[in-house]
Amino acid sequence: MSFFILAAKIILLLFWFVFFLSALKTWDDPWRTYINWAGLITLAVHIIEAAWFVRRFGGQLSEPKFEKMQVLVFGVLHWWPALKTLNKSSKDRL
């Protein structure tokens, strides 16, 4: 895993931590509103990515539930590196 992907995953984990703290009403408005909207939009995009990822590569995944959870948390940061591996394994089968 490249340094960029690892650093971005750490930043995204911190974002999710802040989002859940915001859900507990840690900050006052308008920060809580901004954080909640950013988290909900990010979650919606990640749900779409997870659906696409599992639909496209569902038969090739060894642990589909784990992979889906990774995509829900990390989004493109998970499936982009995995895409190279999965495409290579599908070409090897041909």
C-alpha atoms as a PDB file:
ATOM      1  CA  MET A   1       0.000   0.000   0.000  1.00  0.00           C
ATOM      2  CA  SER A   2       1.441   3.338  -0.972  1.00  0.00           C
ATOM      3  CA  PHE A   3       2.148   6.053   1.564  1.00  0.00           C
ATOM      4  CA  PHE A   4      -0.503   8.298  -0.014  1.00  0.00           C
ATOM      5  CA  ILE A   5      -3.254   5.691   0.353  1.00  0.00           C
ATOM      6  CA  LEU A   6      -2.253   4.909   3.948  1.00  0.00           C
ATOM      7  CA  ALA A   7      -2.139   8.603   4.919  1.00  0.00           C
ATOM      8  CA  ALA A   8      -5.508   9.236   3.253  1.00  0.00           C
ATOM      9  CA  LYS A   9      -7.055   6.257   5.090  1.00  0.00           C
ATOM     10  CA  ILE A  10      -5.817   7.611   8.416  1.00  0.00           C
ATOM     11  CA  ILE A  11      -7.262  11.043   7.633  1.00  0.00           C
ATOM     12  CA  LEU A  12     -10.573   9.453   6.623  1.00  0.00           C
ATOM     13  CA  LEU A  13     -10.678   7.458   9.879  1.00  0.00           C
ATOM     14  CA  LEU A  14     -10.147  10.705  11.772  1.00  0.00           C
ATOM     15  CA  PHE A  15     -12.993  12.258   9.782  1.00  0.00           C
ATOM     16  CA  TRP A  16     -15.343   9.395  10.727  1.00  0.00           C
ATOM     17  CA  PHE A  17     -14.294   9.791  14.380  1.00  0.00           C
ATOM     18  CA  VAL A  18     -15.137  13.512  14.245  1.00  0.00           C
ATOM     19  CA  PHE A  19     -18.424  12.694  12.498  1.00  0.00           C
ATOM     20  CA  PHE A  20     -19.475  10.317  15.275  1.00  0.00           C
ATOM     21  CA  LEU A  21     -18.421  12.826  17.937  1.00  0.00           C
ATOM     22  CA  SER A  22     -20.531  15.402  16.130  1.00  0.00           C
ATOM     23  CA  ALA A  23     -23.495  13.037  16.243  1.00  0.00           C
ATOM     24  CA  LEU A  24     -23.131  13.130  20.038  1.00  0.00           C
ATOM     25  CA  LYS A  25     -23.534  16.929  19.885  1.00  0.00           C
ATOM     26  CA  THR A  26     -19.969  17.726  20.910  1.00  0.00           C
ATOM     27  CA  TRP A  27     -19.845  20.958  18.896  1.00  0.00           C
ATOM     28  CA  ASP A  28     -22.264  23.812  18.546  1.00  0.00           C
ATOM     29  CA  ASP A  29     -23.862  24.943  15.330  1.00  0.00           C
ATOM     30  CA  PRO A  30     -22.783  25.636  12.576  1.00  0.00           C
ATOM     31  CA  TRP A  31     -19.854  23.177  12.878  1.00  0.00           C
ATOM     32  CA  ARG A  32     -22.083  20.275  13.836  1.00  0.00           C
ATOM     33  CA  THR A  33     -24.322  20.928  10.838  1.00  0.00           C
ATOM     34  CA  TYR A  34     -21.382  21.102   8.417  1.00  0.00           C
ATOM     35  CA  ILE A  35     -19.777  17.961   9.803  1.00  0.00           C
ATOM     36  CA  ASN A  36     -23.065  16.043   9.754  1.00  0.00           C
ATOM     37  CA  TRP A  37     -23.811  17.013   6.141  1.00  0.00           C
ATOM     38  CA  ALA A  38     -20.273  16.146   5.047  1.00  0.00           C
ATOM     39  CA  GLY A  39     -20.518  12.774   6.795  1.00  0.00           C
ATOM     40  CA  LEU A  40     -23.919  11.940   5.342  1.00  0.00           C
ATOM     41  CA  ILE A  41     -22.852  12.874   1.809  1.00  0.00           C
ATOM     42  CA  THR A  42     -19.643  10.863   2.183  1.00  0.00           C
ATOM     43  CA  LEU A  43     -21.595   7.881   3.504  1.00  0.00           C
ATOM     44  CA  ALA A  44     -24.060   8.075   0.598  1.00  0.00           C
ATOM     45  CA  VAL A  45     -21.215   8.111  -1.932  1.00  0.00           C
ATOM     46  CA  HIS A  46     -19.523   5.184  -0.172  1.00  0.00           C
ATOM     47  CA  ILE A  47     -22.767   3.179  -0.207  1.00  0.00           C
ATOM     48  CA  ILE A  48     -22.984   3.661  -3.975  1.00  0.00           C
ATOM     49  CA  GLU A  49     -19.322   2.660  -4.333  1.00  0.00           C
ATOM     50  CA  ALA A  50     -19.846  -0.440  -2.176  1.00  0.00           C
ATOM     51  CA  ALA A  51     -22.848  -1.507  -4.256  1.00  0.00           C
ATOM     52  CA  TRP A  52     -20.870  -1.069  -7.473  1.00  0.00           C
ATOM     53  CA  PHE A  53     -17.803  -2.836  -6.071  1.00  0.00           C
ATOM     54  CA  VAL A  54     -19.710  -5.878  -4.821  1.00  0.00           C
ATOM     55  CA  ARG A  55     -21.797  -6.071  -7.990  1.00  0.00           C
ATOM     56  CA  ARG A  56     -18.702  -5.874 -10.201  1.00  0.00           C
ATOM     57  CA  PHE A  57     -16.393  -8.147  -8.187  1.00  0.00           C
ATOM     58  CA  GLY A  58     -18.751 -10.082  -5.882  1.00  0.00           C
ATOM     59  CA  GLY A  59     -17.815 -13.462  -7.303  1.00  0.00           C
ATOM     60  CA  GLN A  60     -14.088 -12.814  -6.970  1.00  0.00           C
ATOM     61  CA  LEU A  61     -14.115 -11.600  -3.364  1.00  0.00           C
ATOM     62  CA  SER A  62     -12.987 -14.038  -0.705  1.00  0.00           C
ATOM     63  CA  GLU A  63     -14.764 -12.129   2.100  1.00  0.00           C
ATOM     64  CA  PRO A  64     -17.492  -9.972   0.522  1.00  0.00           C
ATOM     65  CA  LYS A  65     -18.869  -8.617   3.829  1.00  0.00           C
ATOM     66  CA  PHE A  66     -15.420  -7.479   4.971  1.00  0.00           C
ATOM     67  CA  GLU A  67     -14.667  -5.943   1.581  1.00  0.00           C
ATOM     68  CA  LYS A  68     -18.027  -4.136   1.577  1.00  0.00           C
ATOM     69  CA  MET A  69     -17.341  -2.730   5.053  1.00  0.00           C
ATOM     70  CA  GLN A  70     -13.900  -1.545   3.914  1.00  0.00           C
ATOM     71  CA  VAL A  71     -15.472   0.271   0.962  1.00  0.00           C
ATOM     72  CA  LEU A  72     -18.118   1.830   3.227  1.00  0.00           C
ATOM     73  CA  VAL A  73     -15.395   3.210   5.501  1.00  0.00           C
ATOM     74  CA  PHE A  74     -12.644   4.052   3.008  1.00  0.00           C
ATOM     75  CA  GLY A  75     -14.453   4.333  -0.325  1.00  0.00           C
ATOM     76  CA  VAL A  76     -12.200   4.700  -3.328  1.00  0.00           C
ATOM     77  CA  LEU A  77      -9.140   4.372  -1.095  1.00  0.00           C
ATOM     78  CA  HIS A  78     -10.011   0.698  -0.656  1.00  0.00           C
ATOM     79  CA  TRP A  79     -11.311  -0.357  -4.042  1.00  0.00           C
ATOM     80  CA  TRP A  80      -8.828   1.490  -6.230  1.00  0.00           C
ATOM     81  CA  PRO A  81      -5.766  -0.547  -5.094  1.00  0.00           C
ATOM     82  CA  ALA A  82      -7.921  -3.695  -4.910  1.00  0.00           C
ATOM     83  CA  LEU A  83      -9.134  -3.059  -8.454  1.00  0.00           C
ATOM     84  CA  LYS A  84      -5.656  -3.689  -9.846  1.00  0.00           C
ATOM     85  CA  THR A  85      -5.394  -7.000  -7.983  1.00  0.00           C
ATOM     86  CA  LEU A  86      -8.888  -8.145  -8.934  1.00  0.00           C
ATOM     87  CA  ASN A  87      -8.466  -7.196 -12.597  1.00  0.00           C
ATOM     88  CA  LYS A  88      -5.149  -9.058 -12.722  1.00  0.00           C
ATOM     89  CA  SER A  89      -6.688 -12.196 -11.160  1.00  0.00           C
ATOM     90  CA  SER A  90      -9.628 -12.092 -13.592  1.00  0.00           C
ATOM     91  CA  LYS A  91      -7.236 -11.838 -16.558  1.00  0.00           C
ATOM     92  CA  ASP A  92      -5.213 -14.777 -15.239  1.00  0.00           C
ATOM     93  CA  ARG A  93      -8.361 -16.929 -15.254  1.00  0.00           C
ATOM     94  CA  LEU A  94      -8.879 -16.378 -18.979  1.00  0.00           C
END
